[in-house]
PDB file of N, CA and C in Angstrom:
ATOM      1  N   UNK A   1      95.783 129.966 119.795  1.00  0.00           N
ATOM      2  CA  UNK A   1      96.984 129.494 119.146  1.00  0.00           C
ATOM      3  C   UNK A   1      97.623 130.681 118.425  1.00  0.00           C
ATOM      4  N   UNK A   2      98.901 130.870 118.671  1.00  0.00           N
ATOM      5  CA  UNK A   2      99.580 132.006 118.043  1.00  0.00           C
ATOM      6  C   UNK A   2     100.142 131.629 116.667  1.00  0.00           C
ATOM      7  N   UNK A   3     100.550 132.633 115.936  1.00  0.00           N
ATOM      8  CA  UNK A   3     101.029 132.430 114.565  1.00  0.00           C
ATOM      9  C   UNK A   3     102.258 131.533 114.514  1.00  0.00           C
ATOM     10  N   UNK A   4     103.148 131.644 115.489  1.00  0.00           N
ATOM     11  CA  UNK A   4     104.362 130.821 115.492  1.00  0.00           C
ATOM     12  C   UNK A   4     104.016 129.342 115.652  1.00  0.00           C
ATOM     13  N   UNK A   5     103.074 129.032 116.509  1.00  0.00           N
ATOM     14  CA  UNK A   5     102.644 127.639 116.711  1.00  0.00           C
ATOM     15  C   UNK A   5     102.031 127.085 115.433  1.00  0.00           C
ATOM     16  N   UNK A   6     101.234 127.900 114.769  1.00  0.00           N
ATOM     17  CA  UNK A   6     100.630 127.469 113.504  1.00  0.00           C
ATOM     18  C   UNK A   6     101.717 127.201 112.470  1.00  0.00           C
ATOM     19  N   UNK A   7     102.701 128.097 112.387  1.00  0.00           N
ATOM     20  CA  UNK A   7     103.813 127.907 111.435  1.00  0.00           C
ATOM     21  C   UNK A   7     104.560 126.599 111.719  1.00  0.00           C
ATOM     22  N   UNK A   8     104.802 126.305 112.980  1.00  0.00           N
ATOM     23  CA  UNK A   8     105.514 125.085 113.352  1.00  0.00           C
ATOM     24  C   UNK A   8     104.713 123.843 112.971  1.00  0.00           C
ATOM     25  N   UNK A   9     103.433 123.882 113.223  1.00  0.00           N
ATOM     26  CA  UNK A   9     102.589 122.726 112.892  1.00  0.00           C
ATOM     27  C   UNK A   9     102.474 122.529 111.388  1.00  0.00           C
ATOM     28  N   UNK A  10     102.370 123.608 110.656  1.00  0.00           N
ATOM     29  CA  UNK A  10     102.297 123.502 109.203  1.00  0.00           C
ATOM     30  C   UNK A  10     103.622 122.974 108.648  1.00  0.00           C
ATOM     31  N   UNK A  11     104.734 123.401 109.210  1.00  0.00           N
ATOM     32  CA  UNK A  11     106.045 122.899 108.775  1.00  0.00           C
ATOM     33  C   UNK A  11     106.154 121.399 109.035  1.00  0.00           C
ATOM     34  N   UNK A  12     105.615 120.946 110.135  1.00  0.00           N
ATOM     35  CA  UNK A  12     105.629 119.514 110.452  1.00  0.00           C
ATOM     36  C   UNK A  12     104.796 118.729 109.437  1.00  0.00           C
ATOM     37  N   UNK A  13     103.638 119.254 109.103  1.00  0.00           N
ATOM     38  CA  UNK A  13     102.785 118.605 108.095  1.00  0.00           C
ATOM     39  C   UNK A  13     103.491 118.577 106.747  1.00  0.00           C
ATOM     40  N   UNK A  14     104.116 119.687 106.393  1.00  0.00           N
ATOM     41  CA  UNK A  14     104.826 119.776 105.111  1.00  0.00           C
ATOM     42  C   UNK A  14     105.955 118.744 105.040  1.00  0.00           C
ATOM     43  N   UNK A  15     106.654 118.532 106.146  1.00  0.00           N
ATOM     44  CA  UNK A  15     107.756 117.571 106.148  1.00  0.00           C
ATOM     45  C   UNK A  15     107.249 116.134 105.995  1.00  0.00           C
ATOM     46  N   UNK A  16     106.028 115.872 106.406  1.00  0.00           N
ATOM     47  CA  UNK A  16     105.475 114.521 106.304  1.00  0.00           C
ATOM     48  C   UNK A  16     104.863 114.247 104.939  1.00  0.00           C
ATOM     49  N   UNK A  17     104.656 115.272 104.152  1.00  0.00           N
ATOM     50  CA  UNK A  17     104.089 115.103 102.817  1.00  0.00           C
ATOM     51  C   UNK A  17     104.963 114.183 101.965  1.00  0.00           C
ATOM     52  N   UNK A  18     106.256 114.342 102.083  1.00  0.00           N
ATOM     53  CA  UNK A  18     107.182 113.533 101.282  1.00  0.00           C
ATOM     54  C   UNK A  18     107.007 112.039 101.564  1.00  0.00           C
ATOM     55  N   UNK A  19     106.679 111.682 102.771  1.00  0.00           N
ATOM     56  CA  UNK A  19     106.431 110.273 103.109  1.00  0.00           C
ATOM     57  C   UNK A  19     105.253 109.730 102.314  1.00  0.00           C
ATOM     58  N   UNK A  20     104.233 110.545 102.163  1.00  0.00           N
ATOM     59  CA  UNK A  20     103.074 110.118 101.378  1.00  0.00           C
ATOM     60  C   UNK A  20     103.434 109.970  99.901  1.00  0.00           C
ATOM     61  N   UNK A  21     104.253 110.872  99.405  1.00  0.00           N
ATOM     62  CA  UNK A  21     104.682 110.788  98.004  1.00  0.00           C
ATOM     63  C   UNK A  21     105.471 109.497  97.782  1.00  0.00           C
ATOM     64  N   UNK A  22     106.334 109.151  98.730  1.00  0.00           N
ATOM     65  CA  UNK A  22     107.092 107.896  98.617  1.00  0.00           C
ATOM     66  C   UNK A  22     106.172 106.682  98.654  1.00  0.00           C
ATOM     67  N   UNK A  23     105.102 106.769  99.408  1.00  0.00           N
ATOM     68  CA  UNK A  23     104.141 105.661  99.459  1.00  0.00           C
ATOM     69  C   UNK A  23     103.554 105.365  98.083  1.00  0.00           C
ATOM     70  N   UNK A  24     103.353 106.395  97.297  1.00  0.00           N
ATOM     71  CA  UNK A  24     102.771 106.208  95.964  1.00  0.00           C
ATOM     72  C   UNK A  24     103.657 105.351  95.068  1.00  0.00           C
ATOM     73  N   UNK A  25     104.948 105.252  95.377  1.00  0.00           N
ATOM     74  CA  UNK A  25     105.853 104.436  94.584  1.00  0.00           C
ATOM     75  C   UNK A  25     105.660 102.946  94.841  1.00  0.00           C
ATOM     76  N   UNK A  26     104.973 102.614  95.924  1.00  0.00           N
ATOM     77  CA  UNK A  26     104.767 101.202  96.265  1.00  0.00           C
ATOM     78  C   UNK A  26     103.709 100.599  95.354  1.00  0.00           C
ATOM     79  N   UNK A  27     103.959  99.392  94.941  1.00  0.00           N
ATOM     80  CA  UNK A  27     103.023  98.715  94.035  1.00  0.00           C
ATOM     81  C   UNK A  27     101.949  97.937  94.779  1.00  0.00           C
ATOM     82  N   UNK A  28     102.097  97.788  96.086  1.00  0.00           N
ATOM     83  CA  UNK A  28     101.151  96.970  96.852  1.00  0.00           C
ATOM     84  C   UNK A  28     100.103  97.789  97.610  1.00  0.00           C
ATOM     85  N   UNK A  29      99.859  99.019  97.201  1.00  0.00           N
ATOM     86  CA  UNK A  29      98.912  99.877  97.913  1.00  0.00           C
ATOM     87  C   UNK A  29      97.455  99.530  97.636  1.00  0.00           C
ATOM     88  N   UNK A  30      97.171  99.064  96.447  1.00  0.00           N
ATOM     89  CA  UNK A  30      95.789  98.765  96.092  1.00  0.00           C
ATOM     90  C   UNK A  30      94.926 100.008  96.158  1.00  0.00           C
ATOM     91  N   UNK A  31      93.751  99.862  96.781  1.00  0.00           N
ATOM     92  CA  UNK A  31      92.815 100.981  96.842  1.00  0.00           C
ATOM     93  C   UNK A  31      93.264 102.056  97.833  1.00  0.00           C
ATOM     94  N   UNK A  32      94.244 101.751  98.664  1.00  0.00           N
ATOM     95  CA  UNK A  32      94.777 102.753  99.591  1.00  0.00           C
ATOM     96  C   UNK A  32      95.426 103.909  98.839  1.00  0.00           C
ATOM     97  N   UNK A  33      95.818 103.661  97.606  1.00  0.00           N
ATOM     98  CA  UNK A  33      96.419 104.699  96.758  1.00  0.00           C
ATOM     99  C   UNK A  33      95.484 105.907  96.641  1.00  0.00           C
ATOM    100  N   UNK A  34      94.186 105.655  96.571  1.00  0.00           N
ATOM    101  CA  UNK A  34      93.207 106.743  96.483  1.00  0.00           C
ATOM    102  C   UNK A  34      93.292 107.626  97.723  1.00  0.00           C
ATOM    103  N   UNK A  35      93.387 107.002  98.899  1.00  0.00           N
ATOM    104  CA  UNK A  35      93.469 107.761 100.152  1.00  0.00           C
ATOM    105  C   UNK A  35      94.770 108.549 100.245  1.00  0.00           C
ATOM    106  N   UNK A  36      95.849 107.950  99.786  1.00  0.00           N
ATOM    107  CA  UNK A  36      97.144 108.632  99.825  1.00  0.00           C
ATOM    108  C   UNK A  36      97.110 109.848  98.903  1.00  0.00           C
ATOM    109  N   UNK A  37      96.566 109.673  97.722  1.00  0.00           N
ATOM    110  CA  UNK A  37      96.429 110.804  96.794  1.00  0.00           C
ATOM    111  C   UNK A  37      95.580 111.916  97.400  1.00  0.00           C
ATOM    112  N   UNK A  38      94.487 111.536  98.035  1.00  0.00           N
ATOM    113  CA  UNK A  38      93.609 112.524  98.663  1.00  0.00           C
ATOM    114  C   UNK A  38      94.340 113.271  99.772  1.00  0.00           C
ATOM    115  N   UNK A  39      95.108 112.555 100.570  1.00  0.00           N
ATOM    116  CA  UNK A  39      95.863 113.196 101.660  1.00  0.00           C
ATOM    117  C   UNK A  39      96.865 114.195 101.106  1.00  0.00           C
ATOM    118  N   UNK A  40      97.547 113.835 100.024  1.00  0.00           N
ATOM    119  CA  UNK A  40      98.515 114.748  99.407  1.00  0.00           C
ATOM    120  C   UNK A  40      97.808 115.996  98.884  1.00  0.00           C
ATOM    121  N   UNK A  41      96.669 115.813  98.247  1.00  0.00           N
ATOM    122  CA  UNK A  41      95.917 116.958  97.737  1.00  0.00           C
ATOM    123  C   UNK A  41      95.481 117.879  98.873  1.00  0.00           C
ATOM    124  N   UNK A  42      95.034 117.290  99.968  1.00  0.00           N
ATOM    125  CA  UNK A  42      94.586 118.107 101.099  1.00  0.00           C
ATOM    126  C   UNK A  42      95.754 118.845 101.751  1.00  0.00           C
ATOM    127  N   UNK A  43      96.903 118.201 101.835  1.00  0.00           N
ATOM    128  CA  UNK A  43      98.089 118.878 102.368  1.00  0.00           C
ATOM    129  C   UNK A  43      98.473 120.039 101.456  1.00  0.00           C
ATOM    130  N   UNK A  44      98.444 119.799 100.151  1.00  0.00           N
ATOM    131  CA  UNK A  44      98.782 120.867  99.203  1.00  0.00           C
ATOM    132  C   UNK A  44      97.823 122.046  99.338  1.00  0.00           C
ATOM    133  N   UNK A  45      96.535 121.750  99.504  1.00  0.00           N
ATOM    134  CA  UNK A  45      95.547 122.818  99.698  1.00  0.00           C
ATOM    135  C   UNK A  45      95.830 123.585 100.985  1.00  0.00           C
ATOM    136  N   UNK A  46      96.138 122.862 102.052  1.00  0.00           N
ATOM    137  CA  UNK A  46      96.446 123.491 103.331  1.00  0.00           C
ATOM    138  C   UNK A  46      97.664 124.398 103.209  1.00  0.00           C
ATOM    139  N   UNK A  47      98.712 123.908 102.553  1.00  0.00           N
ATOM    140  CA  UNK A  47      99.930 124.692 102.404  1.00  0.00           C
ATOM    141  C   UNK A  47      99.681 125.949 101.565  1.00  0.00           C
ATOM    142  N   UNK A  48      98.891 125.799 100.520  1.00  0.00           N
ATOM    143  CA  UNK A  48      98.573 126.953  99.676  1.00  0.00           C
ATOM    144  C   UNK A  48      97.781 127.998 100.465  1.00  0.00           C
ATOM    145  N   UNK A  49      96.794 127.550 101.208  1.00  0.00           N
ATOM    146  CA  UNK A  49      95.994 128.471 102.013  1.00  0.00           C
ATOM    147  C   UNK A  49      96.850 129.136 103.101  1.00  0.00           C
ATOM    148  N   UNK A  50      97.736 128.364 103.706  1.00  0.00           N
ATOM    149  CA  UNK A  50      98.621 128.909 104.726  1.00  0.00           C
ATOM    150  C   UNK A  50      99.500 130.013 104.138  1.00  0.00           C
ATOM    151  N   UNK A  51     100.068 129.743 102.966  1.00  0.00           N
ATOM    152  CA  UNK A  51     100.947 130.740 102.328  1.00  0.00           C
ATOM    153  C   UNK A  51     100.187 131.998 101.959  1.00  0.00           C
ATOM    154  N   UNK A  52      98.950 131.842 101.486  1.00  0.00           N
ATOM    155  CA  UNK A  52      98.140 133.020 101.161  1.00  0.00           C
ATOM    156  C   UNK A  52      97.827 133.838 102.411  1.00  0.00           C
ATOM    157  N   UNK A  53      97.600 133.157 103.513  1.00  0.00           N
ATOM    158  CA  UNK A  53      97.200 133.833 104.741  1.00  0.00           C
ATOM    159  C   UNK A  53      98.373 134.484 105.460  1.00  0.00           C
ATOM    160  N   UNK A  54      99.527 133.804 105.493  1.00  0.00           N
ATOM    161  CA  UNK A  54     100.633 134.256 106.332  1.00  0.00           C
ATOM    162  C   UNK A  54     101.811 134.861 105.595  1.00  0.00           C
ATOM    163  N   UNK A  55     101.751 134.977 104.300  1.00  0.00           N
ATOM    164  CA  UNK A  55     102.895 135.568 103.583  1.00  0.00           C
ATOM    165  C   UNK A  55     102.632 137.040 103.308  1.00  0.00           C
ATOM    166  N   UNK A  56     102.671 137.797 104.360  1.00  0.00           N
ATOM    167  CA  UNK A  56     102.464 139.249 104.248  1.00  0.00           C
ATOM    168  C   UNK A  56     103.793 139.957 104.194  1.00  0.00           C
TER     169      UNK A  56
END
């Protein structure tokens, strides 16, 4: 996998993060809220690691 493909996939993941943030506004999530929070944290970690690796 080349760097451009990785950048495209990371950009796609980053664009979907906002959907998860909007989900947190819902009052009917129940225990799913924990999973949504975890997914957001993992995306944030991925984005941070990506920026450290590819921002030369």
